[in-house]
């Protein structure tokens, strides 16, 4: 079946008078404005606007507008960051990004960036927390499947668009007919209040629907409706290598042991999984082990989930974004009727809500950049200074989950960097929020262990053999010289990172 053919005729019921040329739509809102705050749809580089950001860039190239943009998204919006970032139009960015261009601009100090837990982000927008820094939200740009007097049917993600549409002065809606209209009905828009009017979110099961299939919007807020085309920029995850497969096997063995011990029910608890080759290997291993009846309560639904649905291994998926590769998207669209019945897309204020995560007993599996001897995790920074992407929702799930699992290879850069270190160079997840660490060498179950017990088990079970003696030597010296509940030698704790910066190989610190 061919996708990408069609117009918005029939998808803009009752609102034809609001259809505008995209240049005029932008000029009606941004002309003569210098400092502007724009919130766009998109989460996990899915459901972001395909046209209006390009038009903003083109108008800026022609000198017709000269905005300094504070850009707000639900999470990442790769293509938008690339297009606007390359032209130097973005001066401030929230709350997460996944773009080489944006990463370079942030780390060079040219773009101000505040890394925020994605579960807290909608409250930031709705509560006015940002107003003293950036001012009010001028414009929201939302990609939609269709729009009518009843509201907006979002596209491949929900993210924070409910908050953006609520708080923005004006909204431009991109209706994209390349996305099948059959996607309508997959969304469940429920908007939690903010204090003092916040109520419990009434979800008891992954497949509960508690909201509406559309996002309501006042007609007078709509500055324009425009027709856009194109699909989300998604890449195939790639095939897992030997390291990824061993990590997946180790994690699977741990989960099976937990089920045997009765600490996880036989029917399994809902799972949360990040995106990437390691997570894809984990999902494949779970499927191959014959664990069926799985449910996902997660931020991003990925290709492997729908393969598992098709094979009868995954029962239901609750997410805020469909982040699919081109082949995965085609697979999803070609069976959209079937997959829509087992999928719900919610606002991230629901997906990432700690109360709901805790109630459902989610098993959270996220990736670490590095972990230290006591179980502290760095998931955002290289060598403690350069941001990679952001904390995303890993903190929401780590703190509130039934089991908080962090996955990492034992080394990177051909063995020149150890991912198990004396002290992490940046802390995103404190030891209190980390239950289990998994590498290709084994599993370290940190539950109930003192810091000294954790250190020895992490060295023995998770560290690469090249680094075990060095880690043990550091730990024993710290015990002798400083003692204490969590022995630490501050003059040596970050010496491995310093050595890597100076010599390009952490092994030089212990040779």
Protein backbone atom coordinates (compact mmCIF):
# COMPACT_ATOMS: atom_id res chain seq x y z
CA UNK A 1 0.00 0.00 0.00
CA UNK A 2 1.24 3.50 -0.81
CA UNK A 3 1.18 6.17 1.84
CA UNK A 4 1.82 9.87 1.25
CA UNK A 5 -0.95 10.63 -1.26
CA UNK A 6 -3.87 12.92 -0.45
CA UNK A 7 -5.05 16.40 0.50
CA UNK A 8 -6.72 17.83 3.57
CA UNK A 9 -10.10 18.03 1.87
CA UNK A 10 -12.46 16.16 4.15
CA UNK A 11 -10.10 16.46 7.12
CA UNK A 12 -10.92 20.05 8.04
CA UNK A 13 -14.63 19.79 8.62
CA UNK A 14 -16.40 23.10 9.41
CA UNK A 15 -13.11 25.06 9.49
CA UNK A 16 -12.30 25.67 5.80
CA UNK A 17 -12.20 29.43 6.29
CA UNK A 18 -9.14 28.98 8.54
CA UNK A 19 -7.00 27.32 5.86
CA UNK A 20 -4.17 29.68 4.95
CA UNK A 21 -1.01 29.84 2.91
CA UNK A 22 1.82 28.83 5.32
CA UNK A 23 3.83 32.03 4.79
CA UNK A 24 0.83 34.20 5.58
CA UNK A 25 0.07 32.00 8.58
CA UNK A 26 3.52 32.61 10.03
CA UNK A 27 3.61 36.31 9.20
CA UNK A 28 0.25 36.83 10.88
CA UNK A 29 1.77 35.67 14.16
CA UNK A 30 5.52 36.36 14.03
CA UNK A 31 5.99 39.43 11.83
CA UNK A 32 7.95 42.13 13.69
CA UNK A 33 8.42 39.87 16.71
CA UNK A 34 11.98 39.43 17.97
CA UNK A 35 11.76 37.23 21.05
CA UNK A 36 9.18 34.48 20.60
CA UNK A 37 8.25 31.36 22.53
CA UNK A 38 7.03 28.49 20.35
CA UNK A 39 5.73 25.14 21.53
CA UNK A 40 5.52 22.35 18.96
CA UNK A 41 4.06 18.88 18.90
CA UNK A 42 6.44 15.97 18.88
CA UNK A 43 7.77 13.37 21.26
CA UNK A 44 10.60 10.99 20.44
CA UNK A 45 10.84 12.65 17.01
CA UNK A 46 7.31 11.53 16.21
CA UNK A 47 4.37 13.78 15.44
CA UNK A 48 6.40 16.98 14.96
CA UNK A 49 5.29 19.64 12.41
CA UNK A 50 6.75 19.01 8.95
CA UNK A 51 6.09 22.34 7.23
CA UNK A 52 5.89 25.44 9.40
CA UNK A 53 9.42 25.18 10.88
CA UNK A 54 10.81 25.02 7.32
CA UNK A 55 8.75 28.07 6.38
CA UNK A 56 10.06 29.95 9.41
CA UNK A 57 13.60 29.11 8.30
CA UNK A 58 12.92 30.23 4.72
CA UNK A 59 11.35 33.52 5.83
CA UNK A 60 14.34 34.15 8.09
CA UNK A 61 16.71 33.41 5.18
CA UNK A 62 14.88 36.06 3.15
CA UNK A 63 15.08 38.60 5.98
CA UNK A 64 11.30 38.81 6.31
CA UNK A 65 11.37 37.73 9.96
CA UNK A 66 14.21 37.62 12.49
CA UNK A 67 12.96 35.71 15.51
CA UNK A 68 14.99 34.62 18.50
CA UNK A 69 13.13 31.46 19.39
CA UNK A 70 12.66 29.72 22.69
CA UNK A 71 11.60 26.27 21.48
CA UNK A 72 9.45 23.99 23.60
CA UNK A 73 8.63 20.39 22.68
CA UNK A 74 7.26 17.34 24.43
CA UNK A 75 10.64 15.66 24.06
CA UNK A 76 12.84 15.43 20.97
CA UNK A 77 11.93 16.83 17.56
CA UNK A 78 15.05 16.02 15.55
CA UNK A 79 14.24 17.67 12.24
CA UNK A 80 12.96 20.90 13.77
CA UNK A 81 16.09 21.26 15.90
CA UNK A 82 18.24 20.68 12.83
CA UNK A 83 16.42 23.15 10.56
CA UNK A 84 16.06 26.00 13.04
CA UNK A 85 19.28 25.29 14.94
CA UNK A 86 21.49 25.36 11.84
CA UNK A 87 20.27 28.90 11.12
CA UNK A 88 20.92 30.11 14.65
CA UNK A 89 17.26 30.91 15.27
CA UNK A 90 16.98 28.99 18.55
CA UNK A 91 18.37 30.71 21.64
CA UNK A 92 16.75 28.60 24.35
CA UNK A 93 15.52 25.01 24.39
CA UNK A 94 13.29 22.87 26.65
CA UNK A 95 13.06 20.05 27.85
CA UNK A 96 14.90 17.37 25.81
CA UNK A 97 16.64 17.07 22.45
CA UNK A 98 18.12 14.45 20.17
CA UNK A 99 19.93 16.40 17.47
CA UNK A 100 23.66 16.68 16.69
CA UNK A 101 23.20 20.33 15.76
CA UNK A 102 21.31 21.20 18.93
CA UNK A 103 23.73 19.21 21.07
CA UNK A 104 26.66 21.15 19.60
CA UNK A 105 24.93 24.50 20.16
CA UNK A 106 24.06 23.65 23.77
CA UNK A 107 27.54 22.39 24.63
CA UNK A 108 29.16 25.46 23.05
CA UNK A 109 26.96 27.74 25.15
CA UNK A 110 25.11 29.21 22.16
CA UNK A 111 21.74 27.77 23.21
CA UNK A 112 20.54 27.82 26.82
CA UNK A 113 19.11 24.44 27.80
CA UNK A 114 17.28 23.29 30.92
CA UNK A 115 17.09 19.51 31.29
CA UNK A 116 13.82 18.58 33.02
CA UNK A 117 12.04 15.38 34.04
CA UNK A 118 9.46 14.90 31.31
CA UNK A 119 6.80 14.06 33.87
CA UNK A 120 7.24 17.52 35.40
CA UNK A 121 7.39 19.40 32.12
CA UNK A 122 3.64 19.88 31.45
CA UNK A 123 3.28 21.42 34.91
CA UNK A 124 6.11 23.82 34.09
CA UNK A 125 4.15 24.99 31.06
CA UNK A 126 0.75 25.20 32.74
CA UNK A 127 1.88 26.71 36.05
CA UNK A 128 3.79 29.64 34.60
CA UNK A 129 7.11 28.46 36.01
CA UNK A 130 8.90 29.64 32.86
CA UNK A 131 7.25 33.04 32.54
CA UNK A 132 9.89 34.92 34.52
CA UNK A 133 12.60 33.50 32.26
CA UNK A 134 11.06 33.38 28.77
CA UNK A 135 7.70 35.14 28.98
CA UNK A 136 4.40 33.78 27.73
CA UNK A 137 3.86 31.15 25.03
CA UNK A 138 3.25 32.98 21.75
CA UNK A 139 2.53 30.13 19.38
CA UNK A 140 1.80 26.42 19.37
CA UNK A 141 2.31 24.40 16.16
CA UNK A 142 0.57 21.04 16.14
CA UNK A 143 0.60 18.24 13.58
CA UNK A 144 -2.82 16.63 13.22
CA UNK A 145 -4.58 13.86 11.35
CA UNK A 146 -7.66 16.06 11.13
CA UNK A 147 -9.41 18.93 12.87
CA UNK A 148 -13.00 20.04 13.20
CA UNK A 149 -15.24 22.01 15.51
CA UNK A 150 -14.94 19.21 18.08
CA UNK A 151 -11.16 19.56 18.30
CA UNK A 152 -7.81 18.31 17.04
CA UNK A 153 -7.04 14.67 16.31
CA UNK A 154 -3.25 14.51 16.92
CA UNK A 155 -0.90 12.50 14.73
CA UNK A 156 1.80 10.07 15.91
CA UNK A 157 2.30 11.52 19.38
CA UNK A 158 0.56 13.48 22.11
CA UNK A 159 3.39 14.60 24.39
CA UNK A 160 2.72 18.08 25.78
CA UNK A 161 0.42 19.47 23.10
CA UNK A 162 -2.47 19.71 25.55
CA UNK A 163 -0.47 22.19 27.65
CA UNK A 164 0.85 24.10 24.62
CA UNK A 165 -2.61 24.51 23.08
CA UNK A 166 -4.03 25.58 26.44
CA UNK A 167 -1.35 28.19 27.15
CA UNK A 168 -0.45 29.55 23.69
CA UNK A 169 -1.85 32.83 22.44
CA UNK A 170 -2.27 31.36 18.94
CA UNK A 171 -2.16 27.89 17.38
CA UNK A 172 -1.24 26.80 13.85
CA UNK A 173 -2.47 23.33 12.95
CA UNK A 174 -0.68 21.30 10.29
CA UNK A 175 -3.08 18.72 8.89
CA UNK A 176 -1.04 15.93 7.33
CA UNK A 177 -3.00 13.68 4.94
CA UNK A 178 -0.01 11.36 4.54
CA UNK A 179 -0.98 9.89 7.90
CA UNK A 180 -3.94 7.51 7.60
CA UNK A 181 -7.18 8.91 8.93
CA UNK A 182 -7.71 5.54 10.61
CA UNK A 183 -5.28 6.69 13.30
CA UNK A 184 -8.21 8.64 14.77
CA UNK A 185 -9.44 6.89 17.89
CA UNK A 186 -6.02 5.84 19.17
CA UNK A 187 -5.64 8.91 21.41
CA UNK A 188 -6.91 9.31 24.96
CA UNK A 189 -6.64 12.97 25.96
CA UNK A 190 -7.00 13.36 29.71
CA UNK A 191 -5.67 16.54 31.28
CA UNK A 192 -4.70 16.36 34.96
CA UNK A 193 -5.20 19.57 36.88
CA UNK A 194 -2.51 21.48 38.70
CA UNK A 195 -2.52 22.24 42.43
CA UNK A 196 -4.79 22.99 44.19
CA UNK A 197 -7.12 21.34 41.68
CA UNK A 198 -5.19 18.17 40.91
CA UNK A 199 -7.24 14.98 41.17
CA UNK A 200 -6.01 11.35 41.18
CA UNK A 201 -5.65 10.01 37.64
CA UNK A 202 -8.23 7.18 37.51
CA UNK A 203 -6.15 4.52 35.80
CA UNK A 204 -5.97 1.04 37.29
CA UNK A 205 -5.08 -0.96 34.18
CA UNK A 206 -2.81 -0.29 31.22
CA UNK A 207 -5.75 -0.37 28.79
CA UNK A 208 -8.04 1.99 30.74
CA UNK A 209 -9.35 4.92 28.70
CA UNK A 210 -10.32 7.94 30.75
CA UNK A 211 -10.32 10.90 28.35
CA UNK A 212 -11.40 12.00 24.89
CA UNK A 213 -10.19 11.04 21.43
CA UNK A 214 -9.67 14.70 20.47
CA UNK A 215 -7.86 17.66 21.97
CA UNK A 216 -10.38 20.45 22.43
CA UNK A 217 -9.42 23.94 21.28
CA UNK A 218 -11.20 27.28 21.16
CA UNK A 219 -11.83 28.37 17.59
CA UNK A 220 -10.52 31.89 18.27
CA UNK A 221 -7.11 30.47 19.16
CA UNK A 222 -6.56 28.96 15.72
CA UNK A 223 -4.40 31.36 13.72
CA UNK A 224 -4.35 29.06 10.68
CA UNK A 225 -4.74 25.56 9.35
CA UNK A 226 -2.19 24.50 6.74
CA UNK A 227 -1.66 21.37 4.69
CA UNK A 228 1.61 19.54 5.26
CA UNK A 229 3.16 16.33 3.98
CA UNK A 230 5.86 13.90 5.01
CA UNK A 231 6.58 11.35 7.68
CA UNK A 232 8.56 11.35 10.88
CA UNK A 233 12.29 10.94 10.57
CA UNK A 234 12.80 7.49 12.00
CA UNK A 235 15.77 5.22 11.67
CA UNK A 236 16.00 1.46 11.90
CA UNK A 237 17.42 0.50 15.28
CA UNK A 238 19.87 -1.96 13.74
CA UNK A 239 20.80 -5.48 14.65
CA UNK A 240 22.11 -6.14 18.15
CA UNK A 241 25.67 -7.38 18.41
CA UNK A 242 27.13 -9.94 20.84
CA UNK A 243 27.36 -7.44 23.71
CA UNK A 244 23.73 -6.36 23.35
CA UNK A 245 22.56 -9.96 23.15
CA UNK A 246 24.46 -10.91 26.31
CA UNK A 247 22.97 -7.93 28.15
CA UNK A 248 19.52 -9.00 27.01
CA UNK A 249 20.12 -12.61 28.08
CA UNK A 250 21.35 -11.50 31.50
CA UNK A 251 18.32 -9.28 32.03
CA UNK A 252 15.96 -12.01 30.88
CA UNK A 253 17.52 -14.50 33.30
CA UNK A 254 17.08 -12.01 36.13
CA UNK A 255 13.39 -11.47 35.29
CA UNK A 256 12.77 -15.20 35.05
CA UNK A 257 14.44 -15.74 38.44
CA UNK A 258 12.25 -13.03 39.93
CA UNK A 259 9.17 -14.79 38.58
CA UNK A 260 10.38 -18.14 39.95
CA UNK A 261 10.84 -16.50 43.35
CA UNK A 262 7.36 -14.98 43.24
CA UNK A 263 8.60 -11.39 43.31
CA UNK A 264 7.18 -10.77 39.82
CA UNK A 265 3.85 -12.38 38.92
CA UNK A 266 3.80 -15.06 36.19
CA UNK A 267 1.64 -12.86 34.01
CA UNK A 268 4.38 -10.20 34.22
CA UNK A 269 3.97 -6.58 35.19
CA UNK A 270 3.78 -3.69 32.69
CA UNK A 271 7.14 -2.78 31.19
CA UNK A 272 8.76 0.50 30.29
CA UNK A 273 11.60 0.45 27.83
CA UNK A 274 13.80 3.09 26.31
CA UNK A 275 14.70 3.16 22.61
CA UNK A 276 17.83 1.68 21.10
CA UNK A 277 19.58 -1.45 20.03
CA UNK A 278 20.02 -2.77 23.58
CA UNK A 279 16.35 -2.30 24.42
CA UNK A 280 15.35 -3.91 21.13
CA UNK A 281 17.54 -6.90 21.99
CA UNK A 282 15.87 -7.11 25.42
CA UNK A 283 12.40 -7.14 23.89
CA UNK A 284 13.46 -9.80 21.39
CA UNK A 285 14.88 -11.96 24.18
CA UNK A 286 11.65 -11.66 26.17
CA UNK A 287 9.65 -12.68 23.10
CA UNK A 288 11.93 -15.64 22.33
CA UNK A 289 11.61 -16.85 25.93
CA UNK A 290 7.90 -17.31 25.41
CA UNK A 291 6.80 -14.75 28.00
CA UNK A 292 3.37 -13.80 26.68
CA UNK A 293 0.56 -11.53 27.79
CA UNK A 294 2.91 -8.57 28.05
CA UNK A 295 1.66 -5.03 28.47
CA UNK A 296 3.68 -1.84 28.01
CA UNK A 297 3.27 1.38 29.97
CA UNK A 298 5.97 3.42 28.33
CA UNK A 299 6.79 6.72 26.68
CA UNK A 300 7.59 5.42 23.21
CA UNK A 301 6.10 2.49 21.31
CA UNK A 302 8.72 1.07 18.94
CA UNK A 303 8.93 -1.46 16.12
CA UNK A 304 9.60 -4.48 18.32
CA UNK A 305 6.36 -3.92 20.24
CA UNK A 306 4.22 -4.39 17.14
CA UNK A 307 6.15 -7.43 16.03
CA UNK A 308 5.30 -8.87 19.44
CA UNK A 309 1.64 -7.89 19.04
CA UNK A 310 1.52 -9.61 15.66
CA UNK A 311 3.05 -12.75 17.17
CA UNK A 312 0.64 -12.79 20.11
CA UNK A 313 3.23 -11.90 22.77
CA UNK A 314 2.21 -8.29 23.54
CA UNK A 315 -1.39 -7.63 24.60
CA UNK A 316 -1.56 -3.87 24.99
CA UNK A 317 0.58 -0.75 24.61
CA UNK A 318 0.07 2.57 26.37
CA UNK A 319 2.49 5.29 25.26
CA UNK A 320 2.69 8.95 24.35
CA UNK A 321 4.44 8.45 21.00
CA UNK A 322 4.71 6.02 18.09
CA UNK A 323 8.41 6.23 17.28
CA UNK A 324 8.68 3.84 14.34
CA UNK A 325 11.32 3.24 11.70
CA UNK A 326 10.22 3.54 8.04
CA UNK A 327 9.76 -0.22 7.82
CA UNK A 328 8.04 -0.29 11.21
CA UNK A 329 5.71 2.53 10.18
CA UNK A 330 4.70 0.69 7.01
CA UNK A 331 4.07 -2.46 9.05
CA UNK A 332 1.95 -0.44 11.51
CA UNK A 333 -0.05 1.39 8.84
CA UNK A 334 -0.77 -1.78 6.88
CA UNK A 335 -2.42 -3.29 9.98
CA UNK A 336 -3.58 -0.06 11.53
CA UNK A 337 -7.05 -1.36 12.37
CA UNK A 338 -5.63 -4.24 14.40
CA UNK A 339 -2.88 -2.23 16.08
CA UNK A 340 -5.15 0.70 16.95
CA UNK A 341 -7.28 -1.63 19.06
CA UNK A 342 -4.33 -2.53 21.29
CA UNK A 343 -2.70 0.91 21.52
CA UNK A 344 -3.49 4.14 23.31
CA UNK A 345 -1.55 7.41 23.06
CA UNK A 346 -1.82 9.67 26.11
CA UNK A 347 -0.39 13.04 27.20
CA UNK A 348 2.99 12.67 28.90
CA UNK A 349 1.43 14.21 32.02
CA UNK A 350 -0.39 10.86 32.33
CA UNK A 351 2.21 8.47 30.86
CA UNK A 352 4.97 9.84 33.11
CA UNK A 353 2.85 10.37 36.21
CA UNK A 354 4.58 8.86 39.26
CA UNK A 355 1.31 7.93 40.95
CA UNK A 356 0.15 5.86 37.97
CA UNK A 357 3.57 4.26 37.39
CA UNK A 358 3.66 3.17 41.03
CA UNK A 359 0.07 1.91 41.02
CA UNK A 360 0.58 -0.23 37.92
CA UNK A 361 3.88 -1.66 39.20
CA UNK A 362 5.86 -0.82 36.09
CA UNK A 363 9.19 -2.55 35.50
CA UNK A 364 11.43 0.22 34.15
CA UNK A 365 14.40 -0.56 31.91
CA UNK A 366 16.59 2.40 30.98
CA UNK A 367 20.10 3.01 29.68
CA UNK A 368 23.04 4.34 31.69
CA UNK A 369 26.04 6.18 30.33
CA UNK A 370 27.97 5.08 33.41
CA UNK A 371 27.33 3.67 36.85
CA UNK A 372 29.57 3.89 39.89
CA UNK A 373 30.46 1.53 42.70
CA UNK A 374 27.58 2.64 44.91
CA UNK A 375 24.85 2.58 42.27
CA UNK A 376 24.69 6.21 41.19
CA UNK A 377 23.85 6.56 37.49
CA UNK A 378 24.80 9.13 34.87
CA UNK A 379 22.47 8.97 31.87
CA UNK A 380 22.96 12.38 30.26
CA UNK A 381 26.55 13.66 30.14
CA UNK A 382 29.86 12.66 28.57
CA UNK A 383 32.75 13.08 31.00
CA UNK A 384 30.46 15.12 33.24
CA UNK A 385 30.32 18.18 30.99
CA UNK A 386 28.77 17.63 27.56
CA UNK A 387 25.04 16.89 27.38
CA UNK A 388 24.02 14.02 25.12
CA UNK A 389 20.22 14.26 24.96
CA UNK A 390 18.67 14.80 28.38
CA UNK A 391 17.20 12.86 31.27
CA UNK A 392 13.89 12.32 29.48
CA UNK A 393 11.47 10.22 31.46
CA UNK A 394 14.01 7.85 32.97
CA UNK A 395 13.88 9.69 36.29
CA UNK A 396 10.08 9.54 36.42
CA UNK A 397 10.13 5.79 35.91
CA UNK A 398 13.21 5.06 38.04
CA UNK A 399 11.78 6.76 41.12
CA UNK A 400 8.23 5.41 40.84
CA UNK A 401 8.65 1.95 39.30
CA UNK A 402 8.22 -1.44 40.92
CA UNK A 403 11.72 -2.32 39.68
CA UNK A 404 14.22 0.22 38.39
CA UNK A 405 16.72 -1.45 36.04
CA UNK A 406 19.63 0.29 34.34
CA UNK A 407 21.40 -1.28 31.38
CA UNK A 408 24.84 -0.46 30.00
CA UNK A 409 27.71 -2.16 28.22
CA UNK A 410 30.69 -2.54 30.54
CA UNK A 411 32.91 -0.43 28.25
CA UNK A 412 32.69 1.95 25.32
CA UNK A 413 35.12 3.25 22.69
CA UNK A 414 36.76 -0.11 22.15
CA UNK A 415 37.42 -0.59 25.85
CA UNK A 416 39.02 2.82 26.38
CA UNK A 417 36.13 3.96 28.59
CA UNK A 418 34.83 1.91 31.49
CA UNK A 419 31.11 2.33 32.12
CA UNK A 420 31.64 1.17 35.70
CA UNK A 421 33.69 3.85 37.46
CA UNK A 422 34.71 4.80 41.01
CA UNK A 423 32.40 7.83 40.87
CA UNK A 424 30.08 8.97 38.09
CA UNK A 425 31.03 12.29 36.54
CA UNK A 426 27.42 13.50 36.63
CA UNK A 427 24.50 12.23 38.72
CA UNK A 428 21.04 11.81 37.20
CA UNK A 429 19.76 8.90 39.29
CA UNK A 430 20.81 8.58 42.90
CA UNK A 431 21.54 5.19 44.41
CA UNK A 432 18.14 5.19 46.15
CA UNK A 433 16.41 4.99 42.75
CA UNK A 434 18.48 2.18 41.20
CA UNK A 435 17.50 -1.41 41.97
CA UNK A 436 19.40 -3.41 39.36
CA UNK A 437 22.39 -2.87 37.05
CA UNK A 438 22.95 -5.10 34.03
CA UNK A 439 25.95 -5.37 31.70
CA UNK A 440 27.09 -8.10 29.34
CA UNK A 441 29.04 -9.63 32.26
CA UNK A 442 26.14 -10.05 34.61
CA UNK A 443 23.52 -8.60 36.92
CA UNK A 444 23.98 -6.72 40.17
CA UNK A 445 20.89 -6.68 42.34
CA UNK A 446 21.36 -3.69 44.64
CA UNK A 447 18.19 -4.14 46.66
CA UNK A 448 18.81 -4.37 50.38
CA UNK A 449 22.59 -4.00 50.01
CA UNK A 450 24.76 -1.52 51.88
CA UNK A 451 27.05 0.74 49.82
CA UNK A 452 30.09 -1.43 50.61
CA UNK A 453 28.22 -4.59 49.58
CA UNK A 454 27.04 -2.90 46.39
CA UNK A 455 30.58 -1.90 45.45
CA UNK A 456 31.93 -5.44 45.65
CA UNK A 457 29.01 -6.92 43.72
CA UNK A 458 29.15 -4.31 40.96
CA UNK A 459 32.87 -4.96 40.52
CA UNK A 460 32.44 -8.72 40.44
CA UNK A 461 29.25 -8.97 38.37
CA UNK A 462 29.15 -5.95 36.05
CA UNK A 463 32.61 -4.48 35.44
CA UNK A 464 34.79 -5.41 32.48
CA UNK A 465 37.70 -7.71 33.47
CA UNK A 466 40.21 -5.06 32.32
CA UNK A 467 38.94 -2.71 35.01
CA UNK A 468 38.04 -5.00 37.92
CA UNK A 469 41.44 -4.91 39.64
CA UNK A 470 41.57 -1.13 39.35
CA UNK A 471 38.09 -0.73 40.81
CA UNK A 472 38.84 -3.12 43.65
CA UNK A 473 42.13 -1.38 44.39
CA UNK A 474 40.38 2.00 44.54
CA UNK A 475 37.62 0.66 46.80
CA UNK A 476 39.97 -1.07 49.23
CA UNK A 477 42.14 2.03 49.47
CA UNK A 478 39.05 4.17 50.13
CA UNK A 479 37.96 1.79 52.90
CA UNK A 480 41.40 1.97 54.51
CA UNK A 481 41.99 5.70 54.21
CA UNK A 482 38.56 7.27 54.69
CA UNK A 483 36.20 4.56 55.89
CA UNK A 484 32.67 5.69 56.45
CA UNK A 485 29.35 4.50 55.14
CA UNK A 486 30.31 5.25 51.53
CA UNK A 487 34.13 5.34 51.34
CA UNK A 488 35.31 7.92 48.80
CA UNK A 489 38.73 9.25 47.81
CA UNK A 490 38.01 12.63 46.25
CA UNK A 491 41.47 13.02 44.79
CA UNK A 492 41.08 9.73 42.89
CA UNK A 493 37.33 9.35 42.38
CA UNK A 494 37.32 11.15 39.02
CA UNK A 495 40.90 10.37 38.05
CA UNK A 496 39.77 7.86 35.43
CA UNK A 497 37.81 10.58 33.61
CA UNK A 498 40.74 12.95 33.87
CA UNK A 499 43.04 10.31 32.43
CA UNK A 500 40.71 9.68 29.52
CA UNK A 501 40.64 13.39 28.70
CA UNK A 502 44.43 13.59 28.81
CA UNK A 503 45.45 10.23 27.33
CA UNK A 504 42.35 8.89 25.60
CA UNK A 505 42.20 5.64 27.58
CA UNK A 506 40.95 5.04 31.13
CA UNK A 507 43.16 1.97 31.39
CA UNK A 508 46.13 4.34 31.68
CA UNK A 509 44.81 5.32 35.12
CA UNK A 510 45.23 1.79 36.46
CA UNK A 511 48.23 0.48 34.50
